Protein backbone atom coordinates (compact mmCIF):
# COMPACT_ATOMS: atom_id res chain seq x y z
CA MET A 1 0.01 -0.01 0.20
CA ARG A 2 1.83 3.47 -1.32
CA ALA A 3 0.41 6.49 -1.69
CA SER A 4 2.64 9.92 -2.16
CA GLU A 5 0.78 12.54 -0.73
CA LEU A 6 -1.05 12.52 2.71
CA VAL A 7 -3.51 15.10 3.44
CA TRP A 8 -4.45 15.58 7.26
CA PHE A 9 -8.09 17.42 7.59
CA ARG A 10 -8.96 19.36 10.61
CA ASN A 11 -11.44 21.76 10.96
CA ASP A 12 -11.39 22.03 6.77
CA LEU A 13 -14.18 18.88 6.67
CA ARG A 14 -14.77 19.03 2.70
CA CYS A 15 -13.64 18.45 -0.60
CA ARG A 16 -14.42 21.41 -2.67
CA ASP A 17 -12.33 24.42 -2.24
CA GLN A 18 -9.87 22.68 -0.29
CA ALA A 19 -6.50 24.30 -0.67
CA ALA A 20 -4.66 21.18 1.04
CA LEU A 21 -6.38 18.59 -0.51
CA ALA A 22 -6.33 20.57 -4.24
CA GLN A 23 -2.66 20.88 -4.20
CA ALA A 24 -1.77 17.36 -2.91
CA SER A 25 -3.96 16.06 -5.75
CA GLU A 26 -2.23 17.84 -8.32
CA ARG A 27 1.18 15.96 -6.99
CA GLY A 28 0.54 12.77 -6.49
CA SER A 29 -1.50 9.61 -5.52
CA VAL A 30 -3.59 10.99 -2.07
CA VAL A 31 -4.72 9.14 1.34
CA GLY A 32 -6.33 11.47 4.16
CA VAL A 33 -6.32 11.31 7.48
CA TYR A 34 -8.28 12.67 10.33
CA CYS A 35 -7.16 12.72 13.78
CA PHE A 36 -9.77 12.25 16.28
CA CYS A 37 -8.54 13.52 19.92
CA PRO A 38 -11.62 13.35 22.36
CA GLY A 39 -9.40 14.11 25.60
CA GLN A 40 -8.19 17.49 24.03
CA LEU A 41 -11.91 18.35 22.83
CA THR A 42 -12.13 17.87 26.41
CA ALA A 43 -9.54 19.62 27.77
CA HIS A 44 -10.71 22.95 25.30
CA GLY A 45 -14.34 22.19 26.98
CA VAL A 46 -15.59 21.42 23.70
CA GLY A 47 -19.22 19.87 24.00
CA GLY A 48 -20.98 16.69 22.70
CA ASN A 49 -23.28 18.52 20.47
CA ARG A 50 -20.36 19.50 18.71
CA VAL A 51 -17.99 16.55 18.72
CA ALA A 52 -21.00 14.59 17.32
CA PHE A 53 -22.16 16.82 14.85
CA LEU A 54 -17.87 16.64 14.27
CA LEU A 55 -18.13 12.96 13.84
CA ARG A 56 -21.17 13.33 10.97
CA CYS A 57 -18.86 15.63 9.22
CA VAL A 58 -16.02 13.32 9.03
CA ALA A 59 -18.10 10.53 7.96
CA GLU A 60 -19.71 12.46 5.10
CA LEU A 61 -16.38 13.80 4.18
CA SER A 62 -14.99 10.10 4.22
CA ARG A 63 -17.72 8.86 1.81
CA GLU A 64 -17.16 11.80 -0.35
CA LEU A 65 -13.21 11.25 -0.53
CA GLY A 66 -14.34 7.35 -1.18
CA GLN A 67 -16.16 8.51 -4.26
CA LEU A 68 -13.10 10.33 -5.71
CA GLY A 69 -10.96 6.97 -4.83
CA ILE A 70 -9.30 8.95 -1.46
CA ALA A 71 -9.34 6.62 1.29
CA LEU A 72 -9.76 8.40 4.79
CA LYS A 73 -7.45 6.97 7.77
CA ILE A 74 -8.90 7.83 11.58
CA ILE A 75 -6.05 8.09 13.65
CA GLU A 76 -7.73 7.80 17.42
CA ALA A 77 -5.07 9.86 19.88
CA ASP A 78 -6.02 11.20 22.96
CA THR A 79 -4.36 14.08 23.06
CA PHE A 80 -2.09 16.52 20.77
CA ALA A 81 0.64 15.27 22.89
CA GLU A 82 0.07 11.89 21.00
CA VAL A 83 -0.44 13.12 17.53
CA PRO A 84 3.42 13.57 15.58
CA GLU A 85 4.29 9.81 16.91
CA ALA A 86 0.69 8.82 15.41
CA LEU A 87 0.92 10.86 12.13
CA ARG A 88 4.66 9.87 11.96
CA ALA A 89 4.11 6.35 12.17
CA LEU A 90 1.33 6.57 9.52
CA ALA A 91 3.30 8.19 6.94
CA LEU A 92 6.20 6.20 7.39
CA GLU A 93 3.60 2.69 6.71
CA LEU A 94 2.46 4.52 3.67
CA GLY A 95 5.31 5.57 1.94
CA VAL A 96 4.42 8.92 1.63
CA ARG A 97 7.12 12.41 0.65
CA ARG A 98 4.79 15.11 1.70
CA LEU A 99 1.57 16.14 4.34
CA TRP A 100 -0.45 18.31 3.39
CA PHE A 101 -2.56 20.55 5.83
CA ASN A 102 -4.08 24.08 6.06
CA ALA A 103 -3.45 26.19 9.14
CA GLU A 104 -5.33 26.34 12.45
CA TYR A 105 -4.57 29.52 14.68
CA PRO A 106 -5.33 28.65 18.68
CA LEU A 107 -2.13 27.93 20.36
CA ASN A 108 -2.39 24.31 21.78
CA GLU A 109 -2.72 23.67 17.78
CA ARG A 110 0.20 25.57 16.59
CA ARG A 111 2.07 23.74 19.17
CA ARG A 112 0.75 20.43 17.78
CA ASP A 113 1.38 21.41 13.91
CA GLY A 114 5.10 22.69 15.17
CA ALA A 115 5.68 19.30 16.69
CA VAL A 116 4.28 17.23 14.02
CA THR A 117 6.41 19.17 11.41
CA ALA A 118 9.35 18.23 13.20
CA ALA A 119 8.88 14.74 13.57
CA LEU A 120 7.95 14.15 9.89
CA GLN A 121 11.17 16.53 8.93
CA ALA A 122 12.93 13.88 10.78
CA GLU A 123 11.91 11.37 8.57
CA GLY A 124 12.55 13.23 4.96
CA ILE A 125 8.84 14.09 4.29
CA ALA A 126 7.91 17.01 3.52
CA ILE A 127 5.45 19.75 4.75
CA GLU A 128 3.12 21.83 2.96
CA ARG A 129 0.92 24.24 5.10
CA PHE A 130 -1.87 26.51 3.78
CA ASP A 131 -4.01 28.91 4.52
CA ASP A 132 -7.47 27.95 4.09
CA THR A 133 -9.67 28.43 6.89
CA VAL A 134 -10.04 32.11 6.78
CA ILE A 135 -9.77 34.28 3.45
CA ARG A 136 -6.95 36.74 4.87
CA ALA A 137 -4.63 34.99 7.10
CA PRO A 138 -3.32 36.01 10.24
CA GLY A 139 -1.03 38.64 10.16
CA THR A 140 -1.70 40.24 6.14
CA VAL A 141 -4.27 42.45 7.54
CA LEU A 142 -1.90 45.31 9.40
CA THR A 143 -2.21 48.94 10.00
CA GLN A 144 0.32 51.56 8.51
CA ALA A 145 3.11 50.69 11.60
CA GLY A 146 2.68 46.83 10.83
CA THR A 147 0.66 46.02 13.99
CA PRO A 148 -2.53 43.82 14.22
CA TYR A 149 -5.69 45.61 14.61
CA THR A 150 -7.74 45.54 17.61
CA VAL A 151 -10.48 47.80 16.57
CA PHE A 152 -12.87 46.14 13.91
CA THR A 153 -14.05 49.13 11.86
CA PRO A 154 -10.31 49.97 9.95
CA PHE A 155 -9.35 46.35 10.09
CA ARG A 156 -12.82 45.47 7.30
CA ARG A 157 -11.83 48.35 5.23
CA ARG A 158 -8.46 47.06 4.97
CA TRP A 159 -9.24 43.86 4.42
CA LEU A 160 -12.37 45.07 1.84
CA GLU A 161 -9.45 46.59 0.21
CA SER A 162 -6.99 43.68 0.19
CA ILE A 163 -9.72 41.74 -1.19
CA GLY A 164 -8.51 40.55 -5.23
CA PRO A 165 -10.55 38.10 -7.91
CA GLY A 166 -8.19 35.80 -6.79
CA ASP A 167 -9.77 35.47 -3.40
CA LEU A 168 -13.41 34.81 -4.33
CA ALA A 169 -12.99 31.73 -6.86
CA PRO A 170 -13.30 28.78 -4.47
CA ARG A 171 -11.05 25.50 -5.90
CA LEU A 172 -12.69 22.63 -7.49
CA PRO A 173 -12.87 19.26 -5.77
CA PRO A 174 -9.83 17.36 -7.52
CA ARG A 175 -10.44 15.08 -9.85
CA PRO A 176 -11.05 11.30 -9.24
CA GLN A 177 -7.94 9.39 -8.79
CA ALA A 178 -7.02 5.54 -9.77
CA GLY A 179 -4.97 5.42 -6.21
CA PRO A 180 -3.53 3.14 -4.15
CA ASP A 181 -6.04 0.15 -3.05
CA ILE A 182 -5.61 1.60 0.56
CA PRO A 183 -8.98 1.07 2.82
CA SER A 184 -10.73 3.90 4.55
CA VAL A 185 -11.25 3.59 8.43
CA PRO A 186 -14.51 3.60 10.26
CA VAL A 187 -15.40 6.75 11.63
CA PRO A 188 -15.53 6.21 15.61
CA SER A 189 -18.45 6.67 17.62
CA LEU A 190 -19.08 9.47 20.04
CA PRO A 191 -17.67 8.78 23.12
CA GLU A 192 -19.56 7.71 26.27
CA ARG A 193 -17.48 11.21 28.02
CA PHE A 194 -19.68 13.37 25.71
CA VAL A 195 -23.54 13.80 25.74
CA ALA A 196 -25.22 15.39 22.81
CA THR A 197 -28.76 16.69 23.47
CA ALA A 198 -29.16 18.76 20.29
CA PRO A 199 -31.33 17.39 17.46
CA GLU A 200 -28.96 15.80 14.63
CA ALA A 201 -32.10 16.45 11.83
CA LEU A 202 -31.50 19.81 12.58
CA TRP A 203 -27.45 19.76 11.72
CA PRO A 204 -27.21 16.98 9.48
CA GLY A 205 -22.97 16.72 8.53
CA GLY A 206 -20.89 17.37 5.43
CA GLU A 207 -20.88 19.99 2.60
CA ALA A 208 -24.20 19.14 1.09
CA PRO A 209 -26.28 20.45 4.18
CA ALA A 210 -24.17 23.55 3.99
CA GLN A 211 -24.08 24.58 0.37
CA GLU A 212 -28.09 23.84 0.51
CA ARG A 213 -28.53 26.11 3.52
CA LEU A 214 -26.29 28.84 1.83
CA GLU A 215 -28.56 28.67 -1.82
CA ARG A 216 -31.60 28.76 0.05
CA PHE A 217 -30.58 31.93 2.68
CA LEU A 218 -29.22 33.90 -0.66
CA GLU A 219 -32.08 33.09 -2.37
CA SER A 220 -34.65 34.38 0.46
CA ALA A 221 -33.32 35.97 3.27
CA VAL A 222 -29.90 37.55 2.72
CA ASP A 223 -31.41 41.00 1.06
CA GLY A 224 -33.58 41.69 4.57
CA TYR A 225 -30.60 40.40 6.32
CA ASP A 226 -29.90 43.46 7.72
CA LYS A 227 -33.39 44.33 8.95
CA GLN A 228 -34.49 40.58 9.95
CA ARG A 229 -31.21 39.23 11.57
CA ASP A 230 -32.07 40.95 15.04
CA PHE A 231 -35.77 39.15 15.33
CA PRO A 232 -35.23 35.80 16.77
CA ALA A 233 -38.60 34.48 16.13
CA LEU A 234 -37.62 34.97 12.22
CA ASP A 235 -35.74 32.42 9.56
CA GLY A 236 -33.64 35.44 9.08
CA THR A 237 -30.18 34.17 9.10
CA SER A 238 -28.16 31.97 7.33
CA THR A 239 -27.59 29.46 9.99
CA LEU A 240 -24.08 28.20 8.62
CA SER A 241 -21.81 28.68 11.51
CA PRO A 242 -21.91 24.95 12.68
CA TRP A 243 -20.20 24.12 9.18
CA LEU A 244 -18.08 27.22 9.28
CA ALA A 245 -16.96 26.17 12.38
CA VAL A 246 -15.90 22.20 11.55
CA GLY A 247 -14.37 23.72 7.38
CA ALA A 248 -18.09 21.33 5.95
CA ILE A 249 -17.94 24.75 3.86
CA SER A 250 -15.49 27.83 3.37
CA PRO A 251 -15.52 31.22 4.50
CA ARG A 252 -14.34 31.95 0.32
CA GLN A 253 -17.51 29.68 -0.52
CA CYS A 254 -19.57 31.99 1.12
CA LEU A 255 -18.06 35.28 0.02
CA HIS A 256 -17.99 34.12 -3.28
CA ALA A 257 -21.43 33.47 -3.09
CA VAL A 258 -23.03 36.35 -2.01
CA VAL A 259 -20.72 38.62 -3.98
CA ALA A 260 -22.36 37.08 -7.13
CA ARG A 261 -25.68 37.80 -5.18
CA ASN A 262 -24.85 41.09 -4.65
CA ASP A 263 -23.79 41.68 -8.24
CA GLY A 264 -20.02 41.43 -7.65
CA ARG A 265 -20.14 43.88 -4.92
CA LEU A 266 -18.06 43.13 -1.76
CA ASP A 267 -19.49 46.57 -0.13
CA GLY A 268 -22.56 48.18 -1.15
CA GLY A 269 -25.11 47.15 -3.44
CA SER A 270 -27.74 44.92 -1.38
CA ARG A 271 -27.45 46.26 2.04
CA GLY A 272 -28.65 43.01 3.57
CA ALA A 273 -25.61 41.04 1.22
CA ALA A 274 -23.14 43.72 2.66
CA THR A 275 -24.60 42.92 6.07
CA TRP A 276 -23.39 39.42 5.91
CA ILE A 277 -20.35 40.23 4.23
CA THR A 278 -19.32 42.30 7.31
CA GLU A 279 -20.30 39.38 9.60
CA LEU A 280 -17.70 36.70 7.58
CA ILE A 281 -15.23 39.46 8.43
CA TRP A 282 -16.27 39.40 11.93
CA ARG A 283 -15.59 35.92 11.79
CA GLU A 284 -12.02 36.67 10.52
CA PHE A 285 -11.28 39.48 13.05
CA TYR A 286 -11.64 37.28 15.59
CA ARG A 287 -9.31 34.10 14.12
CA HIS A 288 -6.65 37.17 13.71
CA VAL A 289 -7.22 38.75 17.31
CA MET A 290 -6.16 35.10 18.48
CA ALA A 291 -3.01 34.37 16.44
CA ALA A 292 -1.54 37.79 17.00
CA PHE A 293 -2.43 37.77 20.66
CA VAL A 294 -1.54 34.54 22.60
CA HIS A 295 -2.73 35.51 25.92
CA VAL A 296 -6.59 35.14 24.45
CA SER A 297 -5.77 31.76 24.11
CA LYS A 298 -4.76 31.04 27.90
CA GLY A 299 -7.43 32.33 29.48
CA HIS A 300 -7.24 35.94 29.79
CA ALA A 301 -8.89 39.07 29.08
CA PHE A 302 -7.87 40.79 25.96
CA ARG A 303 -7.28 44.05 27.98
CA ARG A 304 -5.62 42.89 31.00
CA GLU A 305 -6.78 45.66 33.00
CA TYR A 306 -9.53 43.77 33.47
CA ASP A 307 -8.41 40.27 34.43
CA ASP A 308 -8.69 41.03 38.23
CA LEU A 309 -12.04 42.47 38.03
CA PRO A 310 -13.65 41.85 41.18
CA TRP A 311 -16.35 39.59 39.77
CA ARG A 312 -19.65 37.91 41.89
CA ASP A 313 -19.82 34.45 42.82
CA ASP A 314 -22.90 33.36 43.40
CA PRO A 315 -23.66 29.85 42.15
CA ALA A 316 -27.27 30.38 42.67
CA GLN A 317 -27.24 33.00 40.05
CA LEU A 318 -24.80 31.46 37.63
CA ALA A 319 -27.50 28.18 37.57
CA ALA A 320 -30.64 29.95 37.07
CA TRP A 321 -28.94 32.09 34.11
CA ARG A 322 -27.57 28.68 32.72
CA GLU A 323 -30.72 27.09 33.15
CA GLY A 324 -33.31 29.81 31.61
CA ARG A 325 -34.85 30.74 35.46
CA THR A 326 -33.53 34.37 35.73
CA GLY A 327 -37.17 35.71 35.44
CA TYR A 328 -36.76 37.16 32.39
CA PRO A 329 -38.75 35.88 29.50
CA LEU A 330 -36.03 36.73 26.45
CA VAL A 331 -32.98 35.35 28.48
CA ASP A 332 -34.72 32.53 29.54
CA ALA A 333 -35.83 31.42 26.00
CA ALA A 334 -32.74 32.15 24.32
CA MET A 335 -30.81 29.77 27.07
CA ARG A 336 -33.63 27.06 26.39
CA GLN A 337 -33.17 27.39 22.99
CA LEU A 338 -29.53 26.53 23.29
CA ALA A 339 -30.44 23.49 25.99
CA ALA A 340 -32.41 22.19 23.18
CA THR A 341 -30.86 23.14 19.72
CA GLY A 342 -27.53 23.43 20.48
CA TRP A 343 -27.75 27.05 19.20
CA MET A 344 -28.60 30.45 19.82
CA HIS A 345 -29.37 33.44 17.55
CA ASN A 346 -26.46 36.35 17.34
CA ARG A 347 -28.69 38.59 18.84
CA LEU A 348 -29.78 36.71 21.64
CA ARG A 349 -26.24 35.96 22.33
CA MET A 350 -25.06 39.06 23.18
CA VAL A 351 -28.59 39.59 25.70
CA VAL A 352 -27.81 36.82 27.58
CA ALA A 353 -23.69 38.01 27.93
CA MET A 354 -24.37 41.11 29.19
CA PHE A 355 -26.81 39.87 31.51
CA LEU A 356 -24.79 37.50 32.91
CA CYS A 357 -21.31 39.94 32.95
CA LYS A 358 -23.22 43.08 33.72
CA ASN A 359 -26.53 42.58 36.02
CA LEU A 360 -25.21 39.26 37.86
CA LEU A 361 -21.49 40.57 37.50
CA LEU A 362 -20.46 37.05 36.97
CA ASP A 363 -17.17 36.14 35.11
CA TRP A 364 -17.62 36.10 31.37
CA ARG A 365 -15.53 33.08 31.49
CA HIS A 366 -18.48 31.08 32.71
CA GLY A 367 -20.52 32.28 30.05
CA GLU A 368 -18.03 31.21 27.44
CA ALA A 369 -17.37 27.89 28.97
CA HIS A 370 -21.20 26.88 28.77
CA PHE A 371 -21.63 28.07 25.48
CA MET A 372 -18.74 25.61 24.43
CA ASP A 373 -20.18 22.84 26.66
CA LEU A 374 -23.78 23.16 24.38
CA LEU A 375 -23.05 25.02 21.27
CA VAL A 376 -23.09 22.91 18.14
CA ASP A 377 -20.77 25.65 16.27
CA GLY A 378 -18.86 25.85 19.15
CA ASP A 379 -15.75 27.99 17.84
CA PHE A 380 -12.85 29.52 20.20
CA ALA A 381 -11.93 32.59 18.09
CA SER A 382 -15.87 33.84 17.76
CA ASN A 383 -17.13 32.54 21.05
CA ASN A 384 -14.27 34.25 22.72
CA GLY A 385 -14.41 37.17 20.97
CA GLY A 386 -18.06 37.44 21.08
CA TRP A 387 -18.21 37.30 25.07
CA GLN A 388 -15.57 39.70 25.34
CA TRP A 389 -17.15 41.99 23.59
CA SER A 390 -20.23 41.80 25.71
CA ALA A 391 -17.93 41.82 28.97
CA SER A 392 -16.21 44.70 27.57
CA THR A 393 -13.01 43.14 28.35
CA GLY A 394 -11.77 42.26 24.42
CA THR A 395 -10.94 43.87 21.30
CA ASP A 396 -13.44 46.78 20.16
CA ALA A 397 -15.25 45.79 23.20
CA ALA A 398 -18.90 47.20 24.16
CA PRO A 399 -18.54 50.24 26.44
CA TYR A 400 -18.48 48.63 29.90
CA PHE A 401 -21.82 51.69 30.28
CA ARG A 402 -23.19 49.95 27.53
CA ILE A 403 -25.90 47.25 29.24
CA PHE A 404 -28.35 45.87 26.87
CA ASN A 405 -31.80 45.71 29.41
CA PRO A 406 -33.50 42.69 29.01
CA VAL A 407 -36.97 43.75 28.82
CA THR A 408 -36.34 46.23 26.40
CA GLN A 409 -34.63 43.93 24.32
CA SER A 410 -37.52 41.78 24.08
CA ARG A 411 -39.50 44.20 23.48
CA ARG A 412 -37.75 45.44 20.36
CA PHE A 413 -36.83 41.49 18.98
CA ASP A 414 -39.77 39.82 19.94
CA PRO A 415 -42.77 42.25 20.01
CA ASP A 416 -45.13 39.74 19.48
CA GLY A 417 -43.73 36.85 22.03
CA HIS A 418 -43.43 34.69 19.28
CA PHE A 419 -40.10 33.65 20.20
CA ILE A 420 -40.22 33.65 23.83
CA ARG A 421 -43.91 31.42 23.78
CA CYS A 422 -42.03 28.54 21.99
CA HIS A 423 -39.42 28.25 24.23
CA VAL A 424 -40.92 28.86 27.68
CA PRO A 425 -44.43 27.69 27.04
CA GLU A 426 -45.61 28.75 30.67
CA LEU A 427 -46.14 32.43 29.74
CA ALA A 428 -47.73 31.95 26.45
CA ALA A 429 -51.47 32.64 28.11
CA LEU A 430 -49.40 36.12 28.69
CA GLU A 431 -50.15 39.05 26.48
CA GLY A 432 -48.82 42.53 25.59
CA ALA A 433 -46.64 44.31 27.75
CA SER A 434 -46.90 41.40 30.39
CA LEU A 435 -45.06 38.66 28.50
CA HIS A 436 -42.01 40.79 28.55
CA ALA A 437 -42.73 41.67 31.85
CA PRO A 438 -44.26 38.90 33.81
CA TRP A 439 -44.06 40.16 37.31
CA LYS A 440 -46.37 42.88 36.29
CA ALA A 441 -49.30 40.48 35.09
CA ARG A 442 -52.06 40.38 37.39
CA GLY A 443 -54.32 37.32 37.62
CA PRO A 444 -53.81 33.32 38.57
CA SER A 445 -49.84 33.14 40.19
CA LEU A 446 -47.66 32.04 36.86
CA ASP A 447 -44.88 29.19 37.40
CA TYR A 448 -42.45 31.14 36.78
CA PRO A 449 -39.39 32.88 38.71
CA GLU A 450 -39.40 35.86 39.83
CA PRO A 451 -36.69 38.56 38.30
CA ILE A 452 -33.33 37.21 40.35
CA VAL A 453 -31.68 40.69 39.64
CA GLU A 454 -33.33 44.04 39.15
CA THR A 455 -31.86 45.97 36.12
CA SER A 456 -31.56 49.23 37.06
CA ALA A 457 -29.62 48.99 39.98
CA SER A 458 -27.17 45.86 38.84
CA ARG A 459 -26.94 48.03 35.96
CA LEU A 460 -25.44 50.53 38.32
CA ARG A 461 -23.79 48.75 40.24
CA ALA A 462 -21.85 46.82 37.23
CA ILE A 463 -20.85 50.39 35.64
CA GLU A 464 -19.49 51.43 39.15
CA VAL A 465 -17.08 48.53 39.38
CA PHE A 466 -16.09 48.37 35.45
CA ARG A 467 -14.93 52.22 36.69
CA ALA A 468 -13.02 51.53 39.38
CA GLN A 469 -11.19 48.65 37.33
CA ALA A 470 -10.54 51.08 34.59
CA GLY A 471 -8.95 53.54 36.93
């Protein structure tokens, strides 16, 4: 069993627009490999919903590669520390000349890749590395002073200026090959240490469902995206984040498709399309920040002056927030949506994050970890960036005195209460203003908790604490 090229799949689980796979297939006979590291996933706080989805995508990748005549080997190595030797042994067994992979940017992943590179190069095996999980690689979008951006708006402007026609042309899948007779390896089942609660039907694995969602979004919702994206009861977003998180669809495929829909424009044209492009750039921004500022991968606040902010310790309130029992209907509906589906609407991610960090004054790291444990689209860079934005500790963060009022947000973005009634059915009989502030409702007592905190007083408390910390 011999092959010349070994393609290491990571968070790029697709055949189309896959730089390492496309380039390797031009050089010789290809075999793919995926390293499943459940212990490392646990150490990174990744929960069962994302791991189950990940394995579904690996299974679909194996099937699609098989149709191209490419085998997919599966290495089960509990942690990253075991990966270099496992890949070295596989490469020697197959007799490959080159290992191909697309870069990942979190700290532990970079250290793993360095160890793999050293181990294989010591055996005379060449390493071919590409930047393919982003459109613009970290370190390529810099200020005039040559430093990384820490504010989004100028980053967006420079990023748009840097995009050329070649960045909008997704790569085709490799041609079918008549390669060596190397069998694929069955994809492992979800380990017992992980519990998946999100319905599989909501999040099918593979490239095909991602492409279908992208096409449906562009046909039916993108032009109204700027107005409808904040209303959780509407089907106004793409819900592509799970597939982007594991690379079952690439950001370049998304950009190419939306620009084509927008008459070739990256900016301007359809306001909905331009707004969605901006969301793709936010995703890139947080990856650039993660790569440039290593301390955010170590559990620190981006703004280090907030590392020792005196967060409160209140396990009961933290549990009420996690379980959707805060007494604020929109917050509770969002948290129950997360528990039931493994996903949460983006507007609501900000609402519940600000409620935790500001109204409850509980450490944002609790929320970041809870999201990673349940989200099917759990992604370190985006999750950390979003939480630190809401907590006012990160890059381009919301000013500490900007605190969403959950009742105001509820009235504005779920005015008819459709979303709340869906996820908090005990409030279904309430109408009008009572639905958004049920403690004001008259009549029979509700099987629903009283608010665990008063918004005005807790807002002032948060402002005083942040002001004192900022000096």
